[in-house]
Protein backbone atom coordinates (compact mmCIF):
# COMPACT_ATOMS: atom_id res chain seq x y z
CA MET A 1 19.62 -21.55 37.39
CA PRO A 2 16.74 -20.70 39.58
CA GLY A 3 17.90 -16.93 38.71
CA ILE A 4 16.99 -17.52 34.83
CA ALA A 5 14.44 -19.83 35.43
CA LYS A 6 11.77 -16.89 35.61
CA PHE A 7 13.08 -15.87 31.94
CA SER A 8 10.84 -15.96 29.01
CA ASP A 9 11.94 -19.68 27.14
CA ARG A 10 13.88 -17.14 24.52
CA GLU A 11 15.83 -15.04 27.59
CA PHE A 12 16.32 -18.37 29.48
CA LEU A 13 17.85 -19.76 26.30
CA GLN A 14 19.95 -16.59 25.66
CA ALA A 15 21.20 -16.43 29.28
CA PHE A 16 22.36 -20.42 29.63
CA LYS A 17 23.87 -19.95 26.27
CA LEU A 18 26.29 -16.95 27.36
CA MET A 19 27.16 -18.24 30.52
CA ASP A 20 27.96 -21.58 29.43
CA GLY A 21 29.60 -19.55 25.72
CA ILE A 22 32.21 -18.13 28.58
CA ILE A 23 33.21 -21.63 30.08
CA GLN A 24 33.42 -23.02 27.34
CA ASN A 25 35.33 -20.35 25.82
CA ARG A 26 38.67 -21.78 27.44
CA GLN A 27 38.27 -20.47 30.90
CA PRO A 28 41.75 -21.06 32.05
CA ILE A 29 41.09 -20.94 36.37
CA PHE A 30 37.16 -22.69 35.64
CA MET A 31 39.25 -25.45 33.88
CA ALA A 32 42.00 -25.54 36.04
CA VAL A 33 39.45 -25.80 39.34
CA TRP A 34 37.02 -28.21 37.05
CA VAL A 35 40.45 -31.06 35.81
CA GLY A 36 42.53 -30.36 38.90
CA SER A 37 39.74 -31.62 40.88
CA ILE A 38 39.85 -34.94 38.70
CA VAL A 39 43.35 -35.30 38.76
CA SER A 40 43.87 -34.48 42.54
CA VAL A 41 41.31 -37.37 43.38
CA VAL A 42 42.94 -39.54 41.09
CA LEU A 43 46.28 -39.00 42.29
CA MET A 44 44.70 -39.38 46.16
CA LEU A 45 43.02 -42.74 45.07
CA VAL A 46 46.66 -43.73 43.97
CA LEU A 47 48.70 -42.73 46.77
CA GLY A 48 45.73 -43.15 49.26
CA THR A 49 45.91 -47.05 48.11
CA LEU A 50 49.43 -47.25 48.54
CA GLN A 51 49.46 -45.93 52.22
CA LEU A 52 45.94 -46.48 53.94
CA ARG A 53 44.78 -49.91 55.09
CA GLY A 54 41.13 -51.22 56.35
CA VAL A 55 38.34 -49.13 56.29
CA GLU A 56 40.50 -46.25 55.79
CA ARG A 57 41.11 -47.36 52.41
CA TYR A 58 37.75 -48.50 51.35
CA LEU A 59 36.52 -44.99 52.68
CA MET A 60 38.96 -42.98 50.29
CA TRP A 61 37.57 -45.82 47.28
CA PHE A 62 34.05 -44.93 47.78
CA ALA A 63 34.44 -41.55 48.13
CA SER A 64 36.52 -41.15 44.97
CA GLY A 65 34.85 -43.44 43.40
CA LEU A 66 30.99 -41.53 44.06
CA TYR A 67 33.04 -38.11 43.13
CA LEU A 68 34.60 -39.60 39.43
CA LEU A 69 31.63 -41.85 38.79
CA ALA A 70 28.64 -39.90 40.04
CA VAL A 71 29.54 -36.41 39.89
CA GLN A 72 32.03 -36.60 36.45
CA GLY A 73 30.43 -39.11 34.72
CA PRO A 74 27.10 -37.24 34.73
CA THR A 75 28.73 -33.90 33.64
CA LEU A 76 30.72 -35.70 31.03
CA ARG A 77 27.47 -37.81 30.11
CA PHE A 78 24.84 -35.64 30.09
CA ASN A 79 25.74 -31.89 31.06
CA ILE A 80 28.21 -31.17 28.97
CA PRO A 81 25.84 -32.48 25.98
CA LEU A 82 23.17 -30.50 27.09
CA ASN A 83 25.30 -27.28 27.43
CA ASN A 84 26.36 -28.22 23.85
CA ALA A 85 22.74 -28.36 22.46
CA VAL A 86 21.91 -25.19 23.56
CA GLN A 87 25.34 -23.80 22.29
CA ALA A 88 24.15 -25.01 18.95
CA LEU A 89 20.93 -23.24 18.37
CA GLU A 90 20.46 -20.56 16.31
CA ILE A 91 17.91 -18.61 19.35
CA GLU A 92 16.93 -15.75 17.44
CA LEU A 93 15.65 -17.99 14.51
CA LEU A 94 13.25 -20.41 16.62
CA ASN A 95 9.81 -19.49 16.87
CA ALA A 96 7.51 -19.66 20.10
CA GLN A 97 6.50 -23.30 20.05
CA GLU A 98 10.46 -24.19 18.94
CA LEU A 99 11.80 -22.19 21.99
CA ALA A 100 9.57 -24.13 24.38
CA ASP A 101 10.22 -27.36 22.99
CA ALA A 102 13.98 -26.69 23.18
CA ARG A 103 13.86 -25.49 26.89
CA ALA A 104 11.91 -28.45 27.88
CA GLN A 105 14.03 -31.18 26.43
CA PHE A 106 17.13 -28.73 28.24
CA GLU A 107 15.84 -27.59 31.50
CA ALA A 108 14.12 -30.24 33.35
CA PRO A 109 17.29 -33.00 32.34
CA TRP A 110 20.16 -30.52 32.91
CA ASN A 111 18.62 -30.05 35.98
CA ARG A 112 18.45 -33.21 37.34
CA TRP A 113 21.33 -34.24 36.99
CA ASN A 114 22.80 -31.14 38.37
CA ARG A 115 20.90 -32.21 41.57
CA PHE A 116 22.21 -35.50 41.43
CA ARG A 117 25.87 -34.17 40.70
CA THR A 118 25.00 -31.86 43.68
CA LEU A 119 23.78 -34.44 46.12
CA THR A 120 26.76 -36.89 45.08
CA ALA A 121 29.32 -34.74 45.75
CA ILE A 122 28.22 -33.92 48.96
CA ALA A 123 28.14 -37.25 49.95
CA SER A 124 31.66 -37.68 48.02
CA VAL A 125 32.68 -34.43 50.66
CA VAL A 126 31.30 -35.99 53.63
CA ALA A 127 32.76 -39.32 53.23
CA LEU A 128 36.52 -37.40 52.85
CA LEU A 129 35.71 -35.74 56.37
CA VAL A 130 34.83 -38.36 58.18
CA LEU A 131 38.41 -40.26 56.55
CA GLN A 132 39.99 -37.20 57.67
CA LEU A 133 38.33 -37.43 61.52
CA LEU A 134 39.48 -41.45 61.24
CA LEU A 135 43.19 -40.57 60.34
CA ARG A 136 44.05 -38.10 63.21
């Protein structure tokens, strides 16, 4: 996003639409990594609940919950719908004011939720690293 932020409104929306369109066009590696991360965290949650006790179990629940609720939740609730709104735009038909409005409705909320997802993902990974140290 920092790279395309310097573009004009039309160029910004076109660039994002193109990038997101490639992702949404059933990219198997992207989908495997994204869905695989969710499946692996759920699997860890189930297996960890059966095998861990005490602080280790709580830390694993915290890290898993943080990832599923605070990383994947906003992705599904906010970022993907914002992406879809850009995909629905007929950018070439919009005038300068419509382009500015469309960008304003998209860019700030998308970046806000992306920063939130990034920070909570980091916190989740840190919790898992601490868990790994406790299990040694």
